[in-house]
Amino acid sequence: MGFFLEECVGDSKDHIRIDHWIVAILLAIMAAIAFVNVISRYLINLSFAATEEITVNLFVWLTVVGSGIAFERGGQLGMVTLYNVLPKKTKKFAILLSSSLSAILFILVDIYVIQAIYDEVTLFWAISPALGIPVWVYYLGVPILSVFVFTGIYKDASSKLKKLEGSRST
């Protein structure tokens, strides 16, 4: 149980990680929705259309927050074998380049999503088919939750640079 708490809460037990709580809450909501939908199909032979709409959009939000956690833990894709044979100065450059490109990618995602939100609010006024919620409400989570992605990219780069500075290899 202690390992689980340390994973959920972070390095120290008095440090609450909002990103971990968001992921846990989103997963719990998605699991509850799926469970209710399965039970309703079994008991009354009826599926709720809104469940798919909610689950798909929560999954997108979950992916954004989870990407930030993955970046922070160094869990993103990388070319480790190539990185390991590089000299120290080149490793530093590779870390900075990789982090910069990752941040640029998410900046572009945010720009396009914000443009889509603007278009939905001003031009299209689309509403979701099952619940009748404006589509821009679902889109809004991506740029807001991207804060966790940028934080993860920064923490990953900082940690790798500190580790590189601490090593004596050239």
N, C-alpha and C. Protein backbone atom coordinates (compact mmCIF):
# COMPACT_ATOMS: atom_id res chain seq x y z
N MET A 1 0.82 -1.20 0.00
CA MET A 1 0.00 0.00 0.00
C MET A 1 0.86 1.25 0.00
N GLY A 2 1.99 1.22 0.68
CA GLY A 2 2.89 2.37 0.73
C GLY A 2 3.42 2.73 -0.64
N PHE A 3 3.77 1.72 -1.43
CA PHE A 3 4.26 1.97 -2.79
C PHE A 3 3.20 2.67 -3.61
N PHE A 4 1.95 2.20 -3.48
CA PHE A 4 0.85 2.80 -4.23
C PHE A 4 0.67 4.27 -3.85
N LEU A 5 0.74 4.56 -2.55
CA LEU A 5 0.59 5.94 -2.10
C LEU A 5 1.71 6.81 -2.62
N GLU A 6 2.94 6.30 -2.59
CA GLU A 6 4.05 7.09 -3.10
C GLU A 6 3.90 7.35 -4.59
N GLU A 7 3.42 6.37 -5.33
CA GLU A 7 3.21 6.56 -6.77
C GLU A 7 2.11 7.59 -7.03
N CYS A 8 1.05 7.55 -6.27
CA CYS A 8 -0.07 8.45 -6.49
C CYS A 8 0.21 9.86 -5.99
N VAL A 9 0.91 9.97 -4.88
CA VAL A 9 1.10 11.27 -4.26
C VAL A 9 2.39 11.93 -4.73
N GLY A 10 3.39 11.17 -5.06
CA GLY A 10 4.64 11.75 -5.52
C GLY A 10 5.79 11.33 -4.63
N ASP A 11 6.84 12.15 -4.62
CA ASP A 11 8.03 11.81 -3.87
C ASP A 11 7.81 11.85 -2.36
N SER A 12 7.09 12.84 -1.88
CA SER A 12 6.84 12.93 -0.45
C SER A 12 5.36 12.77 -0.18
N LYS A 13 5.04 12.25 0.98
CA LYS A 13 3.64 11.93 1.27
C LYS A 13 2.80 13.16 1.54
N ASP A 14 3.42 14.31 1.81
CA ASP A 14 2.63 15.52 2.04
C ASP A 14 2.53 16.39 0.78
N HIS A 15 3.00 15.89 -0.33
CA HIS A 15 2.94 16.61 -1.60
C HIS A 15 1.83 16.01 -2.46
N ILE A 16 0.77 16.76 -2.66
CA ILE A 16 -0.37 16.28 -3.44
C ILE A 16 -0.15 16.63 -4.90
N ARG A 17 -0.28 15.64 -5.77
CA ARG A 17 -0.11 15.83 -7.21
C ARG A 17 -1.47 15.97 -7.87
N ILE A 18 -1.80 17.16 -8.31
CA ILE A 18 -3.10 17.41 -8.93
C ILE A 18 -3.26 16.63 -10.22
N ASP A 19 -2.17 16.46 -10.98
CA ASP A 19 -2.27 15.71 -12.23
C ASP A 19 -2.62 14.25 -11.98
N HIS A 20 -2.06 13.67 -10.92
CA HIS A 20 -2.40 12.28 -10.58
C HIS A 20 -3.85 12.17 -10.14
N TRP A 21 -4.32 13.15 -9.40
CA TRP A 21 -5.72 13.14 -8.98
C TRP A 21 -6.67 13.31 -10.17
N ILE A 22 -6.31 14.17 -11.10
CA ILE A 22 -7.14 14.35 -12.30
C ILE A 22 -7.24 13.04 -13.07
N VAL A 23 -6.10 12.38 -13.26
CA VAL A 23 -6.09 11.10 -13.98
C VAL A 23 -6.96 10.08 -13.24
N ALA A 24 -6.81 10.00 -11.92
CA ALA A 24 -7.58 9.04 -11.13
C ALA A 24 -9.08 9.34 -11.21
N ILE A 25 -9.44 10.60 -11.13
CA ILE A 25 -10.87 10.97 -11.20
C ILE A 25 -11.43 10.68 -12.58
N LEU A 26 -10.69 11.05 -13.63
CA LEU A 26 -11.17 10.78 -14.99
C LEU A 26 -11.33 9.28 -15.23
N LEU A 27 -10.36 8.49 -14.77
CA LEU A 27 -10.47 7.03 -14.93
C LEU A 27 -11.66 6.47 -14.15
N ALA A 28 -11.87 6.98 -12.94
CA ALA A 28 -13.00 6.52 -12.13
C ALA A 28 -14.33 6.85 -12.80
N ILE A 29 -14.45 8.05 -13.33
CA ILE A 29 -15.67 8.45 -14.04
C ILE A 29 -15.89 7.56 -15.26
N MET A 30 -14.82 7.35 -16.02
CA MET A 30 -14.95 6.52 -17.22
C MET A 30 -15.33 5.08 -16.86
N ALA A 31 -14.73 4.55 -15.81
CA ALA A 31 -15.06 3.18 -15.39
C ALA A 31 -16.50 3.10 -14.91
N ALA A 32 -16.95 4.10 -14.16
CA ALA A 32 -18.33 4.11 -13.67
C ALA A 32 -19.32 4.20 -14.82
N ILE A 33 -19.02 5.05 -15.79
CA ILE A 33 -19.89 5.18 -16.96
C ILE A 33 -19.96 3.87 -17.72
N ALA A 34 -18.81 3.25 -17.95
CA ALA A 34 -18.79 1.97 -18.67
C ALA A 34 -19.57 0.90 -17.89
N PHE A 35 -19.40 0.87 -16.57
CA PHE A 35 -20.11 -0.10 -15.73
C PHE A 35 -21.62 0.09 -15.81
N VAL A 36 -22.06 1.34 -15.69
CA VAL A 36 -23.50 1.63 -15.77
C VAL A 36 -24.03 1.25 -17.14
N ASN A 37 -23.26 1.51 -18.17
CA ASN A 37 -23.71 1.17 -19.52
C ASN A 37 -23.82 -0.34 -19.71
N VAL A 38 -22.87 -1.09 -19.19
CA VAL A 38 -22.92 -2.56 -19.29
C VAL A 38 -24.12 -3.10 -18.52
N ILE A 39 -24.32 -2.59 -17.32
CA ILE A 39 -25.46 -3.04 -16.51
C ILE A 39 -26.78 -2.71 -17.21
N SER A 40 -26.88 -1.52 -17.78
CA SER A 40 -28.12 -1.14 -18.46
C SER A 40 -28.37 -2.02 -19.69
N ARG A 41 -27.32 -2.37 -20.39
CA ARG A 41 -27.48 -3.26 -21.54
C ARG A 41 -27.96 -4.64 -21.09
N TYR A 42 -27.42 -5.10 -19.98
CA TYR A 42 -27.77 -6.43 -19.48
C TYR A 42 -29.18 -6.46 -18.89
N LEU A 43 -29.52 -5.47 -18.09
CA LEU A 43 -30.81 -5.48 -17.39
C LEU A 43 -31.98 -5.03 -18.25
N ILE A 44 -31.79 -3.93 -18.98
CA ILE A 44 -32.93 -3.39 -19.76
C ILE A 44 -32.70 -3.40 -21.26
N ASN A 45 -31.58 -4.04 -21.67
CA ASN A 45 -31.27 -4.17 -23.09
C ASN A 45 -31.27 -2.81 -23.80
N LEU A 46 -30.72 -1.81 -23.12
CA LEU A 46 -30.69 -0.46 -23.65
C LEU A 46 -29.33 0.16 -23.36
N SER A 47 -28.77 0.83 -24.36
CA SER A 47 -27.48 1.50 -24.20
C SER A 47 -27.71 3.00 -24.18
N PHE A 48 -26.96 3.68 -23.34
CA PHE A 48 -27.06 5.14 -23.28
C PHE A 48 -26.08 5.75 -24.27
N ALA A 49 -26.60 6.51 -25.23
CA ALA A 49 -25.75 7.12 -26.26
C ALA A 49 -24.78 8.13 -25.67
N ALA A 50 -25.18 8.80 -24.63
CA ALA A 50 -24.34 9.84 -24.03
C ALA A 50 -23.07 9.27 -23.42
N THR A 51 -23.10 8.01 -23.03
CA THR A 51 -21.92 7.44 -22.39
C THR A 51 -20.72 7.42 -23.31
N GLU A 52 -20.94 7.11 -24.56
CA GLU A 52 -19.82 7.08 -25.52
C GLU A 52 -19.27 8.48 -25.72
N GLU A 53 -20.15 9.45 -25.85
CA GLU A 53 -19.72 10.84 -26.04
C GLU A 53 -18.86 11.32 -24.87
N ILE A 54 -19.32 11.06 -23.68
CA ILE A 54 -18.58 11.48 -22.48
C ILE A 54 -17.26 10.74 -22.38
N THR A 55 -17.29 9.43 -22.56
CA THR A 55 -16.09 8.62 -22.41
C THR A 55 -15.01 9.01 -23.41
N VAL A 56 -15.38 9.23 -24.66
CA VAL A 56 -14.40 9.60 -25.68
C VAL A 56 -13.73 10.93 -25.33
N ASN A 57 -14.52 11.90 -24.90
CA ASN A 57 -13.95 13.20 -24.58
C ASN A 57 -13.12 13.17 -23.30
N LEU A 58 -13.55 12.40 -22.32
CA LEU A 58 -12.73 12.25 -21.11
C LEU A 58 -11.43 11.52 -21.42
N PHE A 59 -11.48 10.60 -22.36
CA PHE A 59 -10.27 9.88 -22.76
C PHE A 59 -9.25 10.84 -23.37
N VAL A 60 -9.72 11.80 -24.16
CA VAL A 60 -8.80 12.80 -24.73
C VAL A 60 -8.15 13.60 -23.62
N TRP A 61 -8.94 14.04 -22.65
CA TRP A 61 -8.39 14.80 -21.53
C TRP A 61 -7.40 13.96 -20.73
N LEU A 62 -7.77 12.70 -20.51
CA LEU A 62 -6.91 11.78 -19.78
C LEU A 62 -5.57 11.60 -20.50
N THR A 63 -5.61 11.53 -21.81
CA THR A 63 -4.40 11.37 -22.61
C THR A 63 -3.49 12.59 -22.48
N VAL A 64 -4.07 13.77 -22.46
CA VAL A 64 -3.27 14.99 -22.33
C VAL A 64 -2.56 15.01 -20.97
N VAL A 65 -3.31 14.78 -19.90
CA VAL A 65 -2.70 14.78 -18.57
C VAL A 65 -1.69 13.63 -18.44
N GLY A 66 -2.04 12.48 -18.96
CA GLY A 66 -1.15 11.32 -18.91
C GLY A 66 0.13 11.56 -19.69
N SER A 67 0.06 12.33 -20.78
CA SER A 67 1.27 12.67 -21.53
C SER A 67 2.23 13.49 -20.68
N GLY A 68 1.68 14.40 -19.91
CA GLY A 68 2.51 15.19 -19.01
C GLY A 68 3.21 14.32 -17.98
N ILE A 69 2.47 13.37 -17.41
CA ILE A 69 3.07 12.45 -16.44
C ILE A 69 4.14 11.59 -17.11
N ALA A 70 3.86 11.13 -18.33
CA ALA A 70 4.83 10.31 -19.05
C ALA A 70 6.10 11.11 -19.37
N PHE A 71 5.95 12.36 -19.77
CA PHE A 71 7.13 13.19 -20.03
C PHE A 71 7.95 13.33 -18.76
N GLU A 72 7.28 13.62 -17.65
CA GLU A 72 7.99 13.82 -16.39
C GLU A 72 8.77 12.58 -15.97
N ARG A 73 8.21 11.42 -16.23
CA ARG A 73 8.88 10.17 -15.85
C ARG A 73 9.86 9.68 -16.90
N GLY A 74 10.00 10.42 -18.00
CA GLY A 74 10.89 9.99 -19.07
C GLY A 74 10.31 8.84 -19.87
N GLY A 75 9.00 8.72 -19.88
CA GLY A 75 8.34 7.60 -20.53
C GLY A 75 7.97 7.84 -21.98
N GLN A 76 8.33 8.99 -22.53
CA GLN A 76 8.02 9.25 -23.93
C GLN A 76 9.00 8.48 -24.82
N LEU A 77 8.66 8.36 -26.06
CA LEU A 77 9.53 7.63 -26.99
C LEU A 77 10.85 8.38 -27.16
N GLY A 78 11.91 7.64 -27.27
CA GLY A 78 13.22 8.24 -27.47
C GLY A 78 14.16 7.24 -28.12
N MET A 79 15.27 7.76 -28.57
CA MET A 79 16.28 6.93 -29.19
C MET A 79 17.42 6.74 -28.19
N VAL A 80 17.17 5.88 -27.20
CA VAL A 80 18.07 5.71 -26.08
C VAL A 80 19.43 5.18 -26.52
N THR A 81 19.44 4.23 -27.42
CA THR A 81 20.70 3.63 -27.86
C THR A 81 21.60 4.69 -28.48
N LEU A 82 21.05 5.52 -29.33
CA LEU A 82 21.82 6.59 -29.96
C LEU A 82 22.26 7.61 -28.91
N TYR A 83 21.34 7.98 -28.02
CA TYR A 83 21.64 8.94 -26.96
C TYR A 83 22.79 8.46 -26.09
N ASN A 84 22.82 7.19 -25.75
CA ASN A 84 23.83 6.64 -24.84
C ASN A 84 25.25 6.70 -25.41
N VAL A 85 25.41 6.70 -26.71
CA VAL A 85 26.75 6.74 -27.30
C VAL A 85 27.23 8.16 -27.59
N LEU A 86 26.38 9.16 -27.36
CA LEU A 86 26.75 10.54 -27.63
C LEU A 86 27.69 11.08 -26.55
N PRO A 87 28.57 12.01 -26.92
CA PRO A 87 29.38 12.68 -25.91
C PRO A 87 28.50 13.60 -25.04
N LYS A 88 29.03 14.00 -23.89
CA LYS A 88 28.25 14.75 -22.90
C LYS A 88 27.65 16.04 -23.48
N LYS A 89 28.44 16.81 -24.20
CA LYS A 89 27.93 18.07 -24.77
C LYS A 89 26.81 17.81 -25.78
N THR A 90 26.95 16.77 -26.55
CA THR A 90 25.92 16.43 -27.53
C THR A 90 24.67 15.91 -26.84
N LYS A 91 24.85 15.20 -25.73
CA LYS A 91 23.69 14.74 -24.96
C LYS A 91 22.89 15.93 -24.44
N LYS A 92 23.59 16.94 -23.96
CA LYS A 92 22.90 18.15 -23.48
C LYS A 92 22.11 18.79 -24.60
N PHE A 93 22.73 18.89 -25.77
CA PHE A 93 22.04 19.45 -26.93
C PHE A 93 20.83 18.59 -27.30
N ALA A 94 20.98 17.27 -27.26
CA ALA A 94 19.88 16.36 -27.60
C ALA A 94 18.71 16.53 -26.62
N ILE A 95 19.02 16.69 -25.35
CA ILE A 95 17.97 16.90 -24.34
C ILE A 95 17.23 18.19 -24.63
N LEU A 96 17.98 19.26 -24.86
CA LEU A 96 17.36 20.56 -25.12
C LEU A 96 16.55 20.54 -26.43
N LEU A 97 17.09 19.90 -27.45
CA LEU A 97 16.38 19.82 -28.73
C LEU A 97 15.10 19.01 -28.59
N SER A 98 15.20 17.87 -27.94
CA SER A 98 14.04 17.00 -27.76
C SER A 98 12.94 17.71 -26.96
N SER A 99 13.33 18.36 -25.89
CA SER A 99 12.36 19.08 -25.06
C SER A 99 11.74 20.25 -25.82
N SER A 100 12.56 20.95 -26.56
CA SER A 100 12.05 22.08 -27.35
C SER A 100 11.06 21.62 -28.41
N LEU A 101 11.41 20.56 -29.12
CA LEU A 101 10.51 20.05 -30.15
C LEU A 101 9.20 19.53 -29.55
N SER A 102 9.29 18.90 -28.39
CA SER A 102 8.09 18.42 -27.72
C SER A 102 7.20 19.58 -27.32
N ALA A 103 7.81 20.62 -26.75
CA ALA A 103 7.03 21.80 -26.35
C ALA A 103 6.41 22.49 -27.57
N ILE A 104 7.17 22.59 -28.64
CA ILE A 104 6.65 23.21 -29.87
C ILE A 104 5.46 22.41 -30.40
N LEU A 105 5.57 21.10 -30.37
CA LEU A 105 4.47 20.26 -30.82
C LEU A 105 3.19 20.55 -30.03
N PHE A 106 3.31 20.62 -28.71
CA PHE A 106 2.11 20.87 -27.89
C PHE A 106 1.64 22.31 -28.00
N ILE A 107 2.55 23.24 -28.27
CA ILE A 107 2.12 24.62 -28.54
C ILE A 107 1.27 24.65 -29.81
N LEU A 108 1.72 23.92 -30.83
CA LEU A 108 0.95 23.86 -32.08
C LEU A 108 -0.41 23.20 -31.85
N VAL A 109 -0.44 22.13 -31.07
CA VAL A 109 -1.72 21.48 -30.75
C VAL A 109 -2.64 22.48 -30.07
N ASP A 110 -2.10 23.21 -29.09
CA ASP A 110 -2.92 24.20 -28.38
C ASP A 110 -3.41 25.30 -29.30
N ILE A 111 -2.55 25.78 -30.18
CA ILE A 111 -2.96 26.83 -31.13
C ILE A 111 -4.12 26.35 -31.99
N TYR A 112 -4.00 25.14 -32.52
CA TYR A 112 -5.07 24.63 -33.38
C TYR A 112 -6.35 24.35 -32.60
N VAL A 113 -6.23 23.88 -31.38
CA VAL A 113 -7.43 23.63 -30.58
C VAL A 113 -8.09 24.95 -30.18
N ILE A 114 -7.29 25.95 -29.83
CA ILE A 114 -7.85 27.26 -29.50
C ILE A 114 -8.53 27.86 -30.72
N GLN A 115 -7.95 27.67 -31.89
CA GLN A 115 -8.59 28.14 -33.13
C GLN A 115 -9.91 27.41 -33.35
N ALA A 116 -9.94 26.10 -33.09
CA ALA A 116 -11.17 25.33 -33.23
C ALA A 116 -12.23 25.80 -32.23
N ILE A 117 -11.81 26.11 -31.01
CA ILE A 117 -12.74 26.64 -30.00
C ILE A 117 -13.32 27.97 -30.48
N TYR A 118 -12.45 28.84 -30.97
CA TYR A 118 -12.90 30.14 -31.49
C TYR A 118 -13.90 29.95 -32.63
N ASP A 119 -13.58 29.04 -33.54
CA ASP A 119 -14.49 28.78 -34.66
C ASP A 119 -15.83 28.25 -34.18
N GLU A 120 -15.79 27.38 -33.19
CA GLU A 120 -17.04 26.81 -32.67
C GLU A 120 -17.89 27.87 -31.98
N VAL A 121 -17.24 28.76 -31.24
CA VAL A 121 -17.96 29.79 -30.50
C VAL A 121 -18.51 30.86 -31.43
N THR A 122 -17.76 31.21 -32.46
CA THR A 122 -18.17 32.34 -33.32
C THR A 122 -18.87 31.94 -34.61
N LEU A 123 -18.54 30.77 -35.16
CA LEU A 123 -19.07 30.43 -36.49
C LEU A 123 -20.05 29.27 -36.51
N PHE A 124 -19.64 28.16 -35.92
CA PHE A 124 -20.37 26.91 -36.15
C PHE A 124 -21.45 26.61 -35.11
N TRP A 125 -21.22 26.94 -33.88
CA TRP A 125 -22.17 26.67 -32.79
C TRP A 125 -22.61 25.22 -32.75
N ALA A 126 -21.69 24.32 -33.04
CA ALA A 126 -22.02 22.89 -33.04
C ALA A 126 -22.30 22.42 -31.61
N ILE A 127 -23.24 21.51 -31.52
CA ILE A 127 -23.53 20.89 -30.22
C ILE A 127 -23.33 19.39 -30.34
N SER A 128 -23.00 18.79 -29.22
CA SER A 128 -22.77 17.35 -29.24
C SER A 128 -24.09 16.63 -29.49
N PRO A 129 -24.05 15.51 -30.21
CA PRO A 129 -25.28 14.84 -30.61
C PRO A 129 -26.08 14.22 -29.46
N ALA A 130 -25.42 13.69 -28.46
CA ALA A 130 -26.15 12.96 -27.41
C ALA A 130 -26.64 13.87 -26.28
N LEU A 131 -25.79 14.78 -25.85
CA LEU A 131 -26.14 15.61 -24.70
C LEU A 131 -26.52 17.05 -25.04
N GLY A 132 -26.21 17.47 -26.26
CA GLY A 132 -26.53 18.83 -26.65
C GLY A 132 -25.62 19.88 -26.02
N ILE A 133 -24.43 19.46 -25.60
CA ILE A 133 -23.44 20.38 -25.03
C ILE A 133 -22.67 21.02 -26.18
N PRO A 134 -22.38 22.32 -26.10
CA PRO A 134 -21.54 22.92 -27.14
C PRO A 134 -20.21 22.17 -27.25
N VAL A 135 -19.80 21.89 -28.47
CA VAL A 135 -18.60 21.09 -28.71
C VAL A 135 -17.35 21.76 -28.14
N TRP A 136 -17.33 23.08 -28.14
CA TRP A 136 -16.15 23.78 -27.64
C TRP A 136 -15.88 23.47 -26.17
N VAL A 137 -16.87 23.08 -25.41
CA VAL A 137 -16.67 22.71 -24.01
C VAL A 137 -15.74 21.51 -23.92
N TYR A 138 -15.94 20.54 -24.79
CA TYR A 138 -15.06 19.37 -24.81
C TYR A 138 -13.65 19.76 -25.25
N TYR A 139 -13.55 20.67 -26.23
CA TYR A 139 -12.25 21.09 -26.73
C TYR A 139 -11.45 21.86 -25.67
N LEU A 140 -12.13 22.56 -24.81
CA LEU A 140 -11.50 23.45 -23.84
C LEU A 140 -10.52 22.74 -22.91
N GLY A 141 -10.76 21.47 -22.66
CA GLY A 141 -9.88 20.73 -21.76
C GLY A 141 -8.46 20.58 -22.28
N VAL A 142 -8.30 20.52 -23.59
CA VAL A 142 -6.96 20.27 -24.15
C VAL A 142 -5.99 21.42 -23.84
N PRO A 143 -6.29 22.67 -24.18
CA PRO A 143 -5.31 23.71 -23.85
C PRO A 143 -5.15 23.94 -22.34
N ILE A 144 -6.21 23.76 -21.59
CA ILE A 144 -6.10 23.93 -20.13
C ILE A 144 -5.22 22.85 -19.53
N LEU A 145 -5.47 21.61 -19.90
CA LEU A 145 -4.72 20.49 -19.33
C LEU A 145 -3.30 20.37 -19.90
N SER A 146 -3.01 21.10 -20.97
CA SER A 146 -1.66 21.09 -21.54
C SER A 146 -0.63 21.66 -20.58
N VAL A 147 -1.09 22.38 -19.58
CA VAL A 147 -0.18 22.88 -18.54
C VAL A 147 0.61 21.72 -17.96
N PHE A 148 -0.04 20.57 -17.77
CA PHE A 148 0.63 19.41 -17.21
C PHE A 148 1.66 18.83 -18.18
N VAL A 149 1.40 18.95 -19.47
CA VAL A 149 2.36 18.47 -20.47
C VAL A 149 3.62 19.34 -20.43
N PHE A 150 3.43 20.65 -20.42
CA PHE A 150 4.59 21.55 -20.39
C PHE A 150 5.37 21.39 -19.09
N THR A 151 4.67 21.18 -17.99
CA THR A 151 5.35 20.94 -16.71
C THR A 151 6.16 19.64 -16.78
N GLY A 152 5.56 18.61 -17.37
CA GLY A 152 6.26 17.32 -17.50
C GLY A 152 7.49 17.43 -18.38
N ILE A 153 7.38 18.15 -19.49
CA ILE A 153 8.53 18.35 -20.39
C ILE A 153 9.64 19.07 -19.64
N TYR A 154 9.28 20.11 -18.92
CA TYR A 154 10.28 20.87 -18.16
C TYR A 154 10.95 20.01 -17.09
N LYS A 155 10.15 19.28 -16.32
CA LYS A 155 10.72 18.45 -15.25
C LYS A 155 11.62 17.35 -15.81
N ASP A 156 11.22 16.77 -16.94
CA ASP A 156 12.04 15.72 -17.56
C ASP A 156 13.37 16.29 -18.03
N ALA A 157 13.33 17.43 -18.71
CA ALA A 157 14.57 18.04 -19.21
C ALA A 157 15.47 18.44 -18.04
N SER A 158 14.88 19.04 -17.01
CA SER A 158 15.67 19.46 -15.84
C SER A 158 16.33 18.27 -15.17
N SER A 159 15.57 17.21 -15.00
CA SER A 159 16.10 16.01 -14.35
C SER A 159 17.22 15.39 -15.16
N LYS A 160 17.04 15.31 -16.48
CA LYS A 160 18.09 14.73 -17.32
C LYS A 160 19.34 15.60 -17.34
N LEU A 161 19.15 16.92 -17.37
CA LEU A 161 20.31 17.82 -17.37
C LEU A 161 21.07 17.74 -16.04
N LYS A 162 20.34 17.65 -14.92
CA LYS A 162 21.00 17.51 -13.61
C LYS A 162 21.76 16.20 -13.53
N LYS A 163 21.14 15.14 -14.04
CA LYS A 163 21.79 13.84 -14.03
C LYS A 163 23.05 13.86 -14.91
N LEU A 164 22.96 14.54 -16.04
CA LEU A 164 24.08 14.65 -16.95
C LEU A 164 25.22 15.46 -16.31
N GLU A 165 24.88 16.54 -15.62
CA GLU A 165 25.88 17.36 -14.95
C GLU A 165 26.55 16.60 -13.80
N GLY A 166 25.78 15.72 -13.16
CA GLY A 166 26.31 14.93 -12.06
C GLY A 166 27.20 13.80 -12.51
N SER A 167 27.06 13.38 -13.76
CA SER A 167 27.89 12.26 -14.25
C SER A 167 29.27 12.77 -14.64
N ARG A 168 30.23 11.88 -14.67
CA ARG A 168 31.61 12.29 -14.99
C ARG A 168 32.03 11.84 -16.37
N SER A 169 31.09 11.21 -17.11
CA SER A 169 31.46 10.74 -18.45
C SER A 169 31.51 11.91 -19.42
N THR A 170 32.29 11.77 -20.46
CA THR A 170 32.40 12.81 -21.47
C THR A 170 31.83 12.36 -22.77
